[in-house]
Amino acid sequence: MKIILVGAKGLLGSNIIPILSNHFSLIPLDIEEWDITDRKAGDYILREYKPDLVVNLAAMTNVDGCEDYQEEAQSVNGEAPGIIAELCNKHSVRFVHFSTDYVFDGDKNTPYTEDDIPNPTSTYGKTKLSGERNVFKNHTSPLVIRTQWLYGKGTQHFISKIIKTAREQGIVTVVDDQRGAPTYAKDIAMPLKILMERGKSGIYHIANQGSCTWYEFAKEIFFYLKIEVQLKSITSLQLNRKAKRPVYSVFDCSKVQRDTNTILRSWQEALHEFLQ
């Protein structure tokens, strides 16, 4: 199977491509080769490469930055996925699109299923939901994967940032009232592989098992690495960031477990491997 991955240099692409390349013929592209907002460029690429499937990993992921640049966020996160979906449909190419837990408001206190009604509270979440809807509107059988709290090799993320702060300042302040599932990006590769091989469509939630707050996540990181640091908890209200985050966004991943016969490991086990 020949697969184009667009947005390949990002966090998710950097971690799943080494695994997927053992199973598929991959064509990794980034914004230099394919600006996903450019319809003509997309049409040319699909005619040139003739892939069996396109995976869209490209997005504007700076959550607070999306509040400052709402039109750009809607263009990249909302409109562009619909453009790719339409082009893939036209060329009879299967399409996979990645989305986020931020499509939910976080008011629920039990894990979110694929059937729960989205209600995003931030520009990032609203534009990502717009992207999902445009994908389903423009492609006959797309696969949309929602994931959350990603980290991995290759780029900046929560873990790298707090370790840097701890070593430079000796004190770290982290919110303790947002709960989710930290997810090692590489762990998405195998369920994704199976979903693609089996020709699945619709929405799937994929995340490591269990849940914690950002504070509990930080505590586990410092404990495992034996970093001496003063760790302080803070509320989201005290942090006062531009974009509102879901208070609770844990996923129910039973659908992907059932349809791929795979169970993702716990967030602790995945984290420990990453930190090694």
C-alpha atoms as a PDB file:
ATOM      1  CA  MET A   1       0.000   0.000   0.000  1.00  0.00           C
ATOM      2  CA  LYS A   2       1.365   3.412  -1.023  1.00  0.00           C
ATOM      3  CA  ILE A   3       0.621   6.084   1.588  1.00  0.00           C
ATOM      4  CA  ILE A   4       1.252   9.825   1.601  1.00  0.00           C
ATOM      5  CA  LEU A   5       1.676  11.337   5.066  1.00  0.00           C
ATOM      6  CA  VAL A   6       1.301  15.107   5.010  1.00  0.00           C
ATOM      7  CA  GLY A   7       2.615  17.071   7.980  1.00  0.00           C
ATOM      8  CA  ALA A   8       5.218  14.324   8.307  1.00  0.00           C
ATOM      9  CA  LYS A   9       7.823  16.331  10.241  1.00  0.00           C
ATOM     10  CA  GLY A  10       5.545  17.018  13.214  1.00  0.00           C
ATOM     11  CA  LEU A  11       5.425  15.152  16.520  1.00  0.00           C
ATOM     12  CA  LEU A  12       3.047  12.420  15.383  1.00  0.00           C
ATOM     13  CA  GLY A  13       4.731  11.840  12.026  1.00  0.00           C
ATOM     14  CA  SER A  14       8.220  11.734  13.530  1.00  0.00           C
ATOM     15  CA  ASN A  15       7.148   8.911  15.865  1.00  0.00           C
ATOM     16  CA  ILE A  16       4.864   6.749  13.706  1.00  0.00           C
ATOM     17  CA  ILE A  17       6.730   6.899  10.371  1.00  0.00           C
ATOM     18  CA  PRO A  18       9.682   4.720  11.523  1.00  0.00           C
ATOM     19  CA  ILE A  19       7.182   1.990  12.492  1.00  0.00           C
ATOM     20  CA  LEU A  20       4.791   2.282   9.542  1.00  0.00           C
ATOM     21  CA  SER A  21       7.704   2.291   7.063  1.00  0.00           C
ATOM     22  CA  ASN A  22       8.252  -1.397   7.924  1.00  0.00           C
ATOM     23  CA  HIS A  23       4.790  -2.231   6.585  1.00  0.00           C
ATOM     24  CA  PHE A  24       3.924   0.271   3.830  1.00  0.00           C
ATOM     25  CA  SER A  25       5.495   2.288   1.037  1.00  0.00           C
ATOM     26  CA  LEU A  26       5.478   5.744   2.614  1.00  0.00           C
ATOM     27  CA  ILE A  27       5.785   9.173   1.003  1.00  0.00           C
ATOM     28  CA  PRO A  28       6.377  11.669   3.845  1.00  0.00           C
ATOM     29  CA  LEU A  29       5.587  15.252   2.848  1.00  0.00           C
ATOM     30  CA  ASP A  30       5.566  18.479   4.847  1.00  0.00           C
ATOM     31  CA  ILE A  31       4.494  22.055   4.182  1.00  0.00           C
ATOM     32  CA  GLU A  32       7.460  22.607   1.828  1.00  0.00           C
ATOM     33  CA  GLU A  33       6.092  19.929  -0.522  1.00  0.00           C
ATOM     34  CA  TRP A  34       2.364  20.228   0.184  1.00  0.00           C
ATOM     35  CA  ASP A  35       0.664  23.250   1.693  1.00  0.00           C
ATOM     36  CA  ILE A  36      -2.653  21.616   2.601  1.00  0.00           C
ATOM     37  CA  THR A  37      -4.568  24.876   2.095  1.00  0.00           C
ATOM     38  CA  ASP A  38      -3.529  24.841  -1.597  1.00  0.00           C
ATOM     39  CA  ARG A  39      -6.103  22.904  -3.626  1.00  0.00           C
ATOM     40  CA  LYS A  40      -4.070  22.947  -6.881  1.00  0.00           C
ATOM     41  CA  ALA A  41      -0.965  21.645  -5.119  1.00  0.00           C
ATOM     42  CA  GLY A  42      -2.967  18.812  -3.560  1.00  0.00           C
ATOM     43  CA  ASP A  43      -4.543  17.865  -6.877  1.00  0.00           C
ATOM     44  CA  TYR A  44      -1.125  17.809  -8.556  1.00  0.00           C
ATOM     45  CA  ILE A  45       0.411  15.654  -5.798  1.00  0.00           C
ATOM     46  CA  LEU A  46      -2.367  13.066  -5.965  1.00  0.00           C
ATOM     47  CA  ARG A  47      -2.062  12.839  -9.761  1.00  0.00           C
ATOM     48  CA  GLU A  48       1.731  12.653  -9.546  1.00  0.00           C
ATOM     49  CA  TYR A  49       2.127  10.046  -6.784  1.00  0.00           C
ATOM     50  CA  LYS A  50      -1.118   8.068  -7.225  1.00  0.00           C
ATOM     51  CA  PRO A  51      -1.279   6.933  -3.565  1.00  0.00           C
ATOM     52  CA  ASP A  52      -3.720   4.371  -2.206  1.00  0.00           C
ATOM     53  CA  LEU A  53      -4.220   6.426   0.938  1.00  0.00           C
ATOM     54  CA  VAL A  54      -3.438   9.872   2.388  1.00  0.00           C
ATOM     55  CA  VAL A  55      -2.913  10.485   6.117  1.00  0.00           C
ATOM     56  CA  ASN A  56      -3.283  14.093   7.258  1.00  0.00           C
ATOM     57  CA  LEU A  57      -1.058  14.845  10.254  1.00  0.00           C
ATOM     58  CA  ALA A  58      -0.803  18.577   9.516  1.00  0.00           C
ATOM     59  CA  ALA A  59      -2.465  21.031  11.880  1.00  0.00           C
ATOM     60  CA  MET A  60      -2.057  24.316  13.702  1.00  0.00           C
ATOM     61  CA  THR A  61      -1.598  22.904  17.217  1.00  0.00           C
ATOM     62  CA  ASN A  62      -0.598  25.950  19.266  1.00  0.00           C
ATOM     63  CA  VAL A  63      -3.800  26.094  21.331  1.00  0.00           C
ATOM     64  CA  ASP A  64      -3.329  29.630  22.636  1.00  0.00           C
ATOM     65  CA  GLY A  65      -1.904  30.771  19.302  1.00  0.00           C
ATOM     66  CA  CYS A  66      -5.145  29.729  17.619  1.00  0.00           C
ATOM     67  CA  GLU A  67      -6.943  32.353  19.734  1.00  0.00           C
ATOM     68  CA  ASP A  68      -4.646  35.031  18.268  1.00  0.00           C
ATOM     69  CA  TYR A  69      -4.831  33.775  14.670  1.00  0.00           C
ATOM     70  CA  GLN A  70      -8.367  32.457  14.336  1.00  0.00           C
ATOM     71  CA  GLU A  71      -8.636  32.821  10.552  1.00  0.00           C
ATOM     72  CA  GLU A  72      -5.387  30.948   9.987  1.00  0.00           C
ATOM     73  CA  ALA A  73      -6.487  28.245  12.444  1.00  0.00           C
ATOM     74  CA  GLN A  74      -9.772  27.809  10.580  1.00  0.00           C
ATOM     75  CA  SER A  75      -7.943  27.687   7.248  1.00  0.00           C
ATOM     76  CA  VAL A  76      -5.453  25.013   8.371  1.00  0.00           C
ATOM     77  CA  ASN A  77      -7.527  23.010  10.864  1.00  0.00           C
ATOM     78  CA  GLY A  78     -11.019  23.555   9.482  1.00  0.00           C
ATOM     79  CA  GLU A  79     -10.991  24.120   5.717  1.00  0.00           C
ATOM     80  CA  ALA A  80      -7.838  22.306   4.551  1.00  0.00           C
ATOM     81  CA  PRO A  81      -8.880  18.820   5.779  1.00  0.00           C
ATOM     82  CA  GLY A  82     -12.068  19.229   3.748  1.00  0.00           C
ATOM     83  CA  ILE A  83     -10.013  20.140   0.678  1.00  0.00           C
ATOM     84  CA  ILE A  84      -7.831  17.033   1.039  1.00  0.00           C
ATOM     85  CA  ALA A  85     -10.907  14.861   1.636  1.00  0.00           C
ATOM     86  CA  GLU A  86     -12.577  16.225  -1.503  1.00  0.00           C
ATOM     87  CA  LEU A  87      -9.446  15.652  -3.610  1.00  0.00           C
ATOM     88  CA  CYS A  88      -8.982  12.125  -2.242  1.00  0.00           C
ATOM     89  CA  ASN A  89     -12.617  11.347  -3.003  1.00  0.00           C
ATOM     90  CA  LYS A  90     -12.193  12.673  -6.545  1.00  0.00           C
ATOM     91  CA  HIS A  91      -9.112  10.498  -7.140  1.00  0.00           C
ATOM     92  CA  SER A  92     -10.576   7.420  -5.364  1.00  0.00           C
ATOM     93  CA  VAL A  93      -7.952   7.627  -2.617  1.00  0.00           C
ATOM     94  CA  ARG A  94      -8.708   6.601   0.970  1.00  0.00           C
ATOM     95  CA  PHE A  95      -8.257   9.301   3.598  1.00  0.00           C
ATOM     96  CA  VAL A  96      -7.216   9.346   7.269  1.00  0.00           C
ATOM     97  CA  HIS A  97      -7.447  12.539   9.319  1.00  0.00           C
ATOM     98  CA  PHE A  98      -6.224  13.187  12.867  1.00  0.00           C
ATOM     99  CA  SER A  99      -8.224  15.149  15.404  1.00  0.00           C
ATOM    100  CA  THR A 100      -8.204  15.903  19.123  1.00  0.00           C
ATOM    101  CA  ASP A 101      -9.852  15.591  22.540  1.00  0.00           C
ATOM    102  CA  TYR A 102     -10.347  19.382  22.430  1.00  0.00           C
ATOM    103  CA  VAL A 103     -13.524  18.860  20.379  1.00  0.00           C
ATOM    104  CA  PHE A 104     -15.149  18.095  23.771  1.00  0.00           C
ATOM    105  CA  ASP A 105     -15.985  20.625  26.487  1.00  0.00           C
ATOM    106  CA  GLY A 106     -14.708  18.442  29.347  1.00  0.00           C
ATOM    107  CA  ASP A 107     -17.921  18.675  31.371  1.00  0.00           C
ATOM    108  CA  LYS A 108     -18.365  14.890  31.390  1.00  0.00           C
ATOM    109  CA  ASN A 109     -16.783  12.842  34.179  1.00  0.00           C
ATOM    110  CA  THR A 110     -16.704   9.468  32.454  1.00  0.00           C
ATOM    111  CA  PRO A 111     -14.591   8.589  29.389  1.00  0.00           C
ATOM    112  CA  TYR A 112     -15.702  10.102  26.085  1.00  0.00           C
ATOM    113  CA  THR A 113     -16.888   7.696  23.395  1.00  0.00           C
ATOM    114  CA  GLU A 114     -16.963   8.346  19.655  1.00  0.00           C
ATOM    115  CA  ASP A 115     -20.743   8.837  19.929  1.00  0.00           C
ATOM    116  CA  ASP A 116     -20.561  11.655  22.481  1.00  0.00           C
ATOM    117  CA  ILE A 117     -21.607  15.036  21.101  1.00  0.00           C
ATOM    118  CA  PRO A 118     -18.667  17.430  20.641  1.00  0.00           C
ATOM    119  CA  ASN A 119     -18.866  20.886  22.177  1.00  0.00           C
ATOM    120  CA  PRO A 120     -15.475  22.622  21.864  1.00  0.00           C
ATOM    121  CA  THR A 121     -14.704  25.666  24.023  1.00  0.00           C
ATOM    122  CA  SER A 122     -11.518  26.944  22.322  1.00  0.00           C
ATOM    123  CA  THR A 123     -10.745  28.175  18.810  1.00  0.00           C
ATOM    124  CA  TYR A 124      -8.405  25.201  18.407  1.00  0.00           C
ATOM    125  CA  GLY A 125     -11.177  22.766  19.353  1.00  0.00           C
ATOM    126  CA  LYS A 126     -13.763  24.548  17.206  1.00  0.00           C
ATOM    127  CA  THR A 127     -11.532  24.562  14.131  1.00  0.00           C
ATOM    128  CA  LYS A 128     -10.581  20.899  14.601  1.00  0.00           C
ATOM    129  CA  LEU A 129     -14.275  19.965  14.847  1.00  0.00           C
ATOM    130  CA  SER A 130     -14.917  22.005  11.704  1.00  0.00           C
ATOM    131  CA  GLY A 131     -12.170  19.965  10.032  1.00  0.00           C
ATOM    132  CA  GLU A 132     -13.783  16.686  11.080  1.00  0.00           C
ATOM    133  CA  ARG A 133     -17.152  17.768   9.704  1.00  0.00           C
ATOM    134  CA  ASN A 134     -15.680  18.942   6.398  1.00  0.00           C
ATOM    135  CA  VAL A 135     -13.866  15.613   6.038  1.00  0.00           C
ATOM    136  CA  PHE A 136     -17.098  13.637   6.472  1.00  0.00           C
ATOM    137  CA  LYS A 137     -18.934  16.012   4.149  1.00  0.00           C
ATOM    138  CA  ASN A 138     -16.388  15.672   1.340  1.00  0.00           C
ATOM    139  CA  HIS A 139     -15.309  12.006   1.447  1.00  0.00           C
ATOM    140  CA  THR A 140     -17.515   8.924   1.209  1.00  0.00           C
ATOM    141  CA  SER A 141     -15.642   6.801   3.806  1.00  0.00           C
ATOM    142  CA  PRO A 142     -12.945   8.689   5.738  1.00  0.00           C
ATOM    143  CA  LEU A 143     -11.213   7.506   8.882  1.00  0.00           C
ATOM    144  CA  VAL A 144     -10.914  10.137  11.639  1.00  0.00           C
ATOM    145  CA  ILE A 145      -8.693   9.399  14.631  1.00  0.00           C
ATOM    146  CA  ARG A 146      -8.872  11.488  17.783  1.00  0.00           C
ATOM    147  CA  THR A 147      -5.943  11.381  20.166  1.00  0.00           C
ATOM    148  CA  GLN A 148      -4.718  13.429  23.119  1.00  0.00           C
ATOM    149  CA  TRP A 149      -1.830  14.684  25.270  1.00  0.00           C
ATOM    150  CA  LEU A 150       0.815  13.569  22.771  1.00  0.00           C
ATOM    151  CA  TYR A 151       4.544  13.371  23.427  1.00  0.00           C
ATOM    152  CA  GLY A 152       7.412  11.595  21.709  1.00  0.00           C
ATOM    153  CA  LYS A 153      10.814  11.933  20.123  1.00  0.00           C
ATOM    154  CA  GLY A 154      11.881  14.778  17.901  1.00  0.00           C
ATOM    155  CA  THR A 155       9.984  17.907  18.953  1.00  0.00           C
ATOM    156  CA  GLN A 156       9.101  20.054  21.959  1.00  0.00           C
ATOM    157  CA  HIS A 157       6.244  18.912  24.204  1.00  0.00           C
ATOM    158  CA  PHE A 158       5.162  18.971  27.852  1.00  0.00           C
ATOM    159  CA  ILE A 159       7.848  16.545  29.069  1.00  0.00           C
ATOM    160  CA  SER A 160      10.779  18.291  27.422  1.00  0.00           C
ATOM    161  CA  LYS A 161       9.549  21.705  28.569  1.00  0.00           C
ATOM    162  CA  ILE A 162       9.081  20.847  32.257  1.00  0.00           C
ATOM    163  CA  ILE A 163      12.410  18.979  32.465  1.00  0.00           C
ATOM    164  CA  LYS A 164      14.145  22.045  31.013  1.00  0.00           C
ATOM    165  CA  THR A 165      12.357  24.327  33.513  1.00  0.00           C
ATOM    166  CA  ALA A 166      13.181  22.023  36.430  1.00  0.00           C
ATOM    167  CA  ARG A 167      16.889  21.931  35.584  1.00  0.00           C
ATOM    168  CA  GLU A 168      17.142  25.666  34.937  1.00  0.00           C
ATOM    169  CA  GLN A 169      14.926  26.992  37.725  1.00  0.00           C
ATOM    170  CA  GLY A 170      14.476  24.187  40.264  1.00  0.00           C
ATOM    171  CA  ILE A 171      10.756  24.914  40.548  1.00  0.00           C
ATOM    172  CA  VAL A 172       7.868  23.874  38.273  1.00  0.00           C
ATOM    173  CA  THR A 173       4.204  24.898  38.492  1.00  0.00           C
ATOM    174  CA  VAL A 174       1.647  22.638  36.790  1.00  0.00           C
ATOM    175  CA  VAL A 175      -2.169  22.600  36.620  1.00  0.00           C
ATOM    176  CA  ASP A 176      -3.849  19.914  38.692  1.00  0.00           C
ATOM    177  CA  ASP A 177      -7.470  20.260  37.521  1.00  0.00           C
ATOM    178  CA  GLN A 178      -7.260  18.990  33.922  1.00  0.00           C
ATOM    179  CA  ARG A 179      -7.459  15.209  33.461  1.00  0.00           C
ATOM    180  CA  GLY A 180      -6.581  13.184  30.376  1.00  0.00           C
ATOM    181  CA  ALA A 181      -4.388  10.353  29.101  1.00  0.00           C
ATOM    182  CA  PRO A 182      -0.765  11.130  28.208  1.00  0.00           C
ATOM    183  CA  THR A 183      -0.112   9.279  24.953  1.00  0.00           C
ATOM    184  CA  TYR A 184       3.245   8.212  23.511  1.00  0.00           C
ATOM    185  CA  ALA A 185       2.853   9.075  19.823  1.00  0.00           C
ATOM    186  CA  LYS A 186       4.589   5.889  18.616  1.00  0.00           C
ATOM    187  CA  ASP A 187       1.891   3.772  20.293  1.00  0.00           C
ATOM    188  CA  ILE A 188      -0.635   5.063  17.751  1.00  0.00           C
ATOM    189  CA  ALA A 189       1.253   3.430  14.869  1.00  0.00           C
ATOM    190  CA  MET A 190       0.088  -0.178  15.285  1.00  0.00           C
ATOM    191  CA  PRO A 191      -3.655   0.417  15.774  1.00  0.00           C
ATOM    192  CA  LEU A 192      -3.477   2.886  12.876  1.00  0.00           C
ATOM    193  CA  LYS A 193      -1.748   0.245  10.734  1.00  0.00           C
ATOM    194  CA  ILE A 194      -4.494  -2.296  11.447  1.00  0.00           C
ATOM    195  CA  LEU A 195      -7.326   0.200  10.869  1.00  0.00           C
ATOM    196  CA  MET A 196      -5.820   1.115   7.486  1.00  0.00           C
ATOM    197  CA  GLU A 197      -5.228  -2.499   6.485  1.00  0.00           C
ATOM    198  CA  ARG A 198      -8.794  -3.425   7.394  1.00  0.00           C
ATOM    199  CA  GLY A 199     -10.238  -0.461   5.515  1.00  0.00           C
ATOM    200  CA  LYS A 200     -12.014   0.948   8.557  1.00  0.00           C
ATOM    201  CA  SER A 201     -13.840   4.266   8.431  1.00  0.00           C
ATOM    202  CA  GLY A 202     -15.613   6.525  10.914  1.00  0.00           C
ATOM    203  CA  ILE A 203     -14.241   7.970  14.172  1.00  0.00           C
ATOM    204  CA  TYR A 204     -11.862   6.189  16.551  1.00  0.00           C
ATOM    205  CA  HIS A 205     -10.394   7.305  19.867  1.00  0.00           C
ATOM    206  CA  ILE A 206      -6.778   6.220  20.479  1.00  0.00           C
ATOM    207  CA  ALA A 207      -4.824   6.965  23.669  1.00  0.00           C
ATOM    208  CA  ASN A 208      -2.729   5.173  26.248  1.00  0.00           C
ATOM    209  CA  GLN A 209      -4.718   3.568  29.050  1.00  0.00           C
ATOM    210  CA  GLY A 210      -5.499   5.222  32.362  1.00  0.00           C
ATOM    211  CA  SER A 211      -5.626   8.903  33.194  1.00  0.00           C
ATOM    212  CA  CYS A 212      -3.971  11.589  35.305  1.00  0.00           C
ATOM    213  CA  THR A 213      -3.791  15.345  35.736  1.00  0.00           C
ATOM    214  CA  TRP A 214      -0.897  17.337  34.279  1.00  0.00           C
ATOM    215  CA  TYR A 215       0.437  17.694  37.846  1.00  0.00           C
ATOM    216  CA  GLU A 216       0.328  13.926  38.404  1.00  0.00           C
ATOM    217  CA  PHE A 217       2.017  13.424  35.021  1.00  0.00           C
ATOM    218  CA  ALA A 218       4.807  15.832  35.984  1.00  0.00           C
ATOM    219  CA  LYS A 219       5.195  14.140  39.380  1.00  0.00           C
ATOM    220  CA  GLU A 220       5.680  10.743  37.689  1.00  0.00           C
ATOM    221  CA  ILE A 221       8.251  12.206  35.267  1.00  0.00           C
ATOM    222  CA  PHE A 222      10.364  13.742  38.040  1.00  0.00           C
ATOM    223  CA  PHE A 223      10.037  10.658  40.259  1.00  0.00           C
ATOM    224  CA  TYR A 224      11.169   8.306  37.490  1.00  0.00           C
ATOM    225  CA  LEU A 225      14.108  10.505  36.460  1.00  0.00           C
ATOM    226  CA  LYS A 226      15.008  11.225  40.116  1.00  0.00           C
ATOM    227  CA  ILE A 227      15.019  14.973  39.434  1.00  0.00           C
ATOM    228  CA  GLU A 228      15.048  17.077  42.593  1.00  0.00           C
ATOM    229  CA  VAL A 229      12.525  19.848  41.955  1.00  0.00           C
ATOM    230  CA  GLN A 230       9.949  21.887  43.828  1.00  0.00           C
ATOM    231  CA  LEU A 231       6.682  20.894  42.121  1.00  0.00           C
ATOM    232  CA  LYS A 232       3.703  23.157  42.774  1.00  0.00           C
ATOM    233  CA  SER A 233       0.093  22.621  41.708  1.00  0.00           C
ATOM    234  CA  ILE A 234      -2.059  25.409  40.305  1.00  0.00           C
ATOM    235  CA  THR A 235      -5.613  25.720  38.970  1.00  0.00           C
ATOM    236  CA  SER A 236      -6.479  26.496  35.360  1.00  0.00           C
ATOM    237  CA  LEU A 237      -8.063  29.719  36.601  1.00  0.00           C
ATOM    238  CA  GLN A 238      -4.803  30.757  38.248  1.00  0.00           C
ATOM    239  CA  LEU A 239      -2.825  29.909  35.120  1.00  0.00           C
ATOM    240  CA  ASN A 240      -5.160  32.160  33.121  1.00  0.00           C
ATOM    241  CA  ARG A 241      -4.304  31.043  29.574  1.00  0.00           C
ATOM    242  CA  LYS A 242      -6.008  32.453  26.486  1.00  0.00           C
ATOM    243  CA  ALA A 243      -7.732  29.242  25.437  1.00  0.00           C
ATOM    244  CA  LYS A 244      -9.979  27.226  27.717  1.00  0.00           C
ATOM    245  CA  ARG A 245      -8.925  23.570  28.069  1.00  0.00           C
ATOM    246  CA  PRO A 246     -11.269  20.634  28.780  1.00  0.00           C
ATOM    247  CA  VAL A 247     -11.248  19.830  32.498  1.00  0.00           C
ATOM    248  CA  TYR A 248     -11.816  16.142  31.703  1.00  0.00           C
ATOM    249  CA  SER A 249     -11.051  14.621  28.305  1.00  0.00           C
ATOM    250  CA  VAL A 250     -10.262  10.955  28.955  1.00  0.00           C
ATOM    251  CA  PHE A 251     -11.134   8.692  26.020  1.00  0.00           C
ATOM    252  CA  ASP A 252     -13.055   5.441  25.941  1.00  0.00           C
ATOM    253  CA  CYS A 253     -10.897   3.399  23.539  1.00  0.00           C
ATOM    254  CA  SER A 254     -12.981   0.211  23.550  1.00  0.00           C
ATOM    255  CA  LYS A 255     -13.984   0.658  19.891  1.00  0.00           C
ATOM    256  CA  VAL A 256     -10.401   0.620  18.577  1.00  0.00           C
ATOM    257  CA  GLN A 257      -9.555  -2.256  20.935  1.00  0.00           C
ATOM    258  CA  ARG A 258     -12.477  -4.255  19.560  1.00  0.00           C
ATOM    259  CA  ASP A 259     -11.808  -3.487  15.881  1.00  0.00           C
ATOM    260  CA  THR A 260      -8.026  -4.007  15.945  1.00  0.00           C
ATOM    261  CA  ASN A 261      -7.642  -6.601  18.715  1.00  0.00           C
ATOM    262  CA  THR A 262      -5.011  -4.348  20.298  1.00  0.00           C
ATOM    263  CA  ILE A 263      -4.954  -2.792  23.750  1.00  0.00           C
ATOM    264  CA  LEU A 264      -2.679   0.186  24.245  1.00  0.00           C
ATOM    265  CA  ARG A 265      -0.435  -0.011  27.300  1.00  0.00           C
ATOM    266  CA  SER A 266      -0.852   2.197  30.347  1.00  0.00           C
ATOM    267  CA  TRP A 267       0.384   5.778  30.195  1.00  0.00           C
ATOM    268  CA  GLN A 268       2.886   4.954  32.964  1.00  0.00           C
ATOM    269  CA  GLU A 269       4.444   2.045  31.065  1.00  0.00           C
ATOM    270  CA  ALA A 270       4.682   4.088  27.861  1.00  0.00           C
ATOM    271  CA  LEU A 271       6.164   7.050  29.728  1.00  0.00           C
ATOM    272  CA  HIS A 272       8.827   4.932  31.406  1.00  0.00           C
ATOM    273  CA  GLU A 273       9.964   3.539  28.051  1.00  0.00           C
ATOM    274  CA  PHE A 274      10.149   7.036  26.594  1.00  0.00           C
ATOM    275  CA  LEU A 275      12.133   8.396  29.545  1.00  0.00           C
ATOM    276  CA  GLN A 276      14.698   5.585  29.262  1.00  0.00           C
END
